[in-house]
C-alpha atoms as a PDB file:
ATOM      1  CA  MET A   1       7.739  -9.960  -9.909  1.00  0.00           C
ATOM      2  CA  PRO A   2       5.308  -9.525  -7.318  1.00  0.00           C
ATOM      3  CA  ILE A   3       5.163  -7.163  -4.428  1.00  0.00           C
ATOM      4  CA  TYR A   4       4.492  -8.918  -0.922  1.00  0.00           C
ATOM      5  CA  SER A   5       3.489  -6.857   2.330  1.00  0.00           C
ATOM      6  CA  TYR A   6       5.068  -7.389   5.625  1.00  0.00           C
ATOM      7  CA  ARG A   7       4.327  -6.244   9.189  1.00  0.00           C
ATOM      8  CA  CYS A   8       7.201  -6.301  11.845  1.00  0.00           C
ATOM      9  CA  ARG A   9       6.279  -8.171  14.847  1.00  0.00           C
ATOM     10  CA  ASP A  10       8.994  -5.991  16.931  1.00  0.00           C
ATOM     11  CA  CYS A  11       7.977  -2.215  15.656  1.00  0.00           C
ATOM     12  CA  GLY A  12       4.453  -2.697  13.933  1.00  0.00           C
ATOM     13  CA  VAL A  13       5.587  -1.032  10.432  1.00  0.00           C
ATOM     14  CA  VAL A  14       4.258  -2.166   7.555  1.00  0.00           C
ATOM     15  CA  PHE A  15       6.472  -2.208   4.420  1.00  0.00           C
ATOM     16  CA  ASP A  16       6.418  -4.008   0.743  1.00  0.00           C
ATOM     17  CA  LEU A  17       8.945  -6.159  -1.064  1.00  0.00           C
ATOM     18  CA  LEU A  18       9.351  -6.668  -4.462  1.00  0.00           C
ATOM     19  CA  GLU A  19      10.314 -10.776  -4.180  1.00  0.00           C
ATOM     20  CA  GLY A  20      10.689 -13.381  -6.702  1.00  0.00           C
ATOM     21  CA  VAL A  21       9.244 -16.555  -6.596  1.00  0.00           C
ATOM     22  CA  SER A  22      12.314 -18.286  -5.096  1.00  0.00           C
ATOM     23  CA  ALA A  23      12.853 -15.427  -2.660  1.00  0.00           C
ATOM     24  CA  GLU A  24      11.516 -18.232  -0.176  1.00  0.00           C
ATOM     25  CA  LYS A  25      15.173 -18.368   1.189  1.00  0.00           C
ATOM     26  CA  VAL A  26      15.728 -15.055   1.327  1.00  0.00           C
ATOM     27  CA  ARG A  27      17.040 -13.496   4.565  1.00  0.00           C
ATOM     28  CA  ARG A  28      14.237 -10.676   5.047  1.00  0.00           C
ATOM     29  CA  SER A  29      14.388  -7.979   7.542  1.00  0.00           C
ATOM     30  CA  CYS A  30      12.370  -4.548   8.549  1.00  0.00           C
ATOM     31  CA  PRO A  31      13.920  -1.834   7.020  1.00  0.00           C
ATOM     32  CA  GLU A  32      12.770   0.564  10.358  1.00  0.00           C
ATOM     33  CA  CYS A  33      14.158  -1.808  13.575  1.00  0.00           C
ATOM     34  CA  SER A  34      16.360  -4.240  11.354  1.00  0.00           C
ATOM     35  CA  GLY A  35      13.773  -7.107  12.998  1.00  0.00           C
ATOM     36  CA  GLU A  36      13.689 -10.176  11.464  1.00  0.00           C
ATOM     37  CA  SER A  37      10.244 -11.255  13.136  1.00  0.00           C
ATOM     38  CA  LEU A  38       7.874 -10.944   9.831  1.00  0.00           C
ATOM     39  CA  LYS A  39       4.338 -11.603   9.317  1.00  0.00           C
ATOM     40  CA  LYS A  40       3.778 -11.685   5.485  1.00  0.00           C
ATOM     41  CA  LEU A  41       0.173  -9.773   5.023  1.00  0.00           C
ATOM     42  CA  HIS A  42      -2.415 -10.686   2.668  1.00  0.00           C
ATOM     43  CA  ALA A  43      -3.067  -8.397  -0.242  1.00  0.00           C
ATOM     44  CA  GLY A  44      -6.132  -7.409  -2.063  1.00  0.00           C
ATOM     45  CA  PHE A  45      -6.387  -7.540  -5.680  1.00  0.00           C
ATOM     46  CA  ASN A  46      -8.918  -6.648  -8.250  1.00  0.00           C
ATOM     47  CA  VAL A  47     -10.276  -8.600 -10.938  1.00  0.00           C
ATOM     48  CA  GLY A  48     -11.940  -6.193 -13.268  1.00  0.00           C
ATOM     49  CA  ALA A  49     -13.826  -3.334 -13.219  1.00  0.00           C
ATOM     50  CA  PRO A  50     -16.771  -2.391 -11.362  1.00  0.00           C
ATOM     51  CA  GLY A  51     -19.934  -2.090 -13.406  1.00  0.00           C
ATOM     52  CA  LYS A  52     -22.802   0.511 -12.231  1.00  0.00           C
ATOM     53  CA  ASP A  53     -24.283  -2.336 -10.152  1.00  0.00           C
ATOM     54  CA  SER A  54     -21.428  -3.621  -8.447  1.00  0.00           C
ATOM     55  CA  ALA A  55     -20.524  -1.864  -4.719  1.00  0.00           C
ATOM     56  CA  PRO A  56     -17.524  -2.454  -2.924  1.00  0.00           C
ATOM     57  CA  GLU A  57     -17.948  -5.237   0.079  1.00  0.00           C
ATOM     58  CA  ALA A  58     -17.093  -4.741   3.666  1.00  0.00           C
ATOM     59  CA  CYS A  59     -14.208  -6.418   5.058  1.00  0.00           C
ATOM     60  CA  PRO A  60     -15.288  -9.535   7.385  1.00  0.00           C
ATOM     61  CA  THR A  61     -11.932  -9.257   9.425  1.00  0.00           C
ATOM     62  CA  CYS A  62     -11.692  -5.586   9.750  1.00  0.00           C
ATOM     63  CA  PRO A  63     -13.211  -3.776  12.408  1.00  0.00           C
ATOM     64  CA  ALA A  64     -12.588  -0.041  10.697  1.00  0.00           C
ATOM     65  CA  ALA A  65     -14.262  -1.472   7.785  1.00  0.00           C
ATOM     66  CA  GLY A  66     -17.413   0.360   6.238  1.00  0.00           C
ATOM     67  CA  PRO A  67     -19.769  -0.476   3.785  1.00  0.00           C
ATOM     68  CA  ALA A  68     -17.423   1.188   1.663  1.00  0.00           C
ATOM     69  CA  GLY A  69     -14.781  -1.709   2.511  1.00  0.00           C
ATOM     70  CA  CYS A  70     -11.219  -1.337   3.853  1.00  0.00           C
ATOM     71  CA  GLY A  71     -10.438   1.753   1.468  1.00  0.00           C
ATOM     72  CA  GLY A  72      -7.452  -0.726  -0.779  1.00  0.00           C
ATOM     73  CA  GLY A  73      -3.955  -1.336   0.360  1.00  0.00           C
ATOM     74  CA  PRO A  74      -2.429  -4.439   2.248  1.00  0.00           C
ATOM     75  CA  CYS A  75      -5.220  -5.524   5.121  1.00  0.00           C
ATOM     76  CA  PRO A  76      -3.711  -4.693   8.712  1.00  0.00           C
ATOM     77  CA  PHE A  77      -5.867  -7.649  10.073  1.00  0.00           C
END
């Protein structure tokens, strides 16, 4: 089952949920404030191991990203 990251629009906490494919009908809530206004975050992924000629790319949407990229994990933006 895939793991999805969410951000609570009420309190701002970011959390992960392990969900099946049919989980769209499941009611989700924030573990911190029980709010139900959630935003699904886009998660990064890796397609193979980096070689000696590859370098991480800067995230085009992250104001905090530098030449080394966002540093992994779910993008907060």
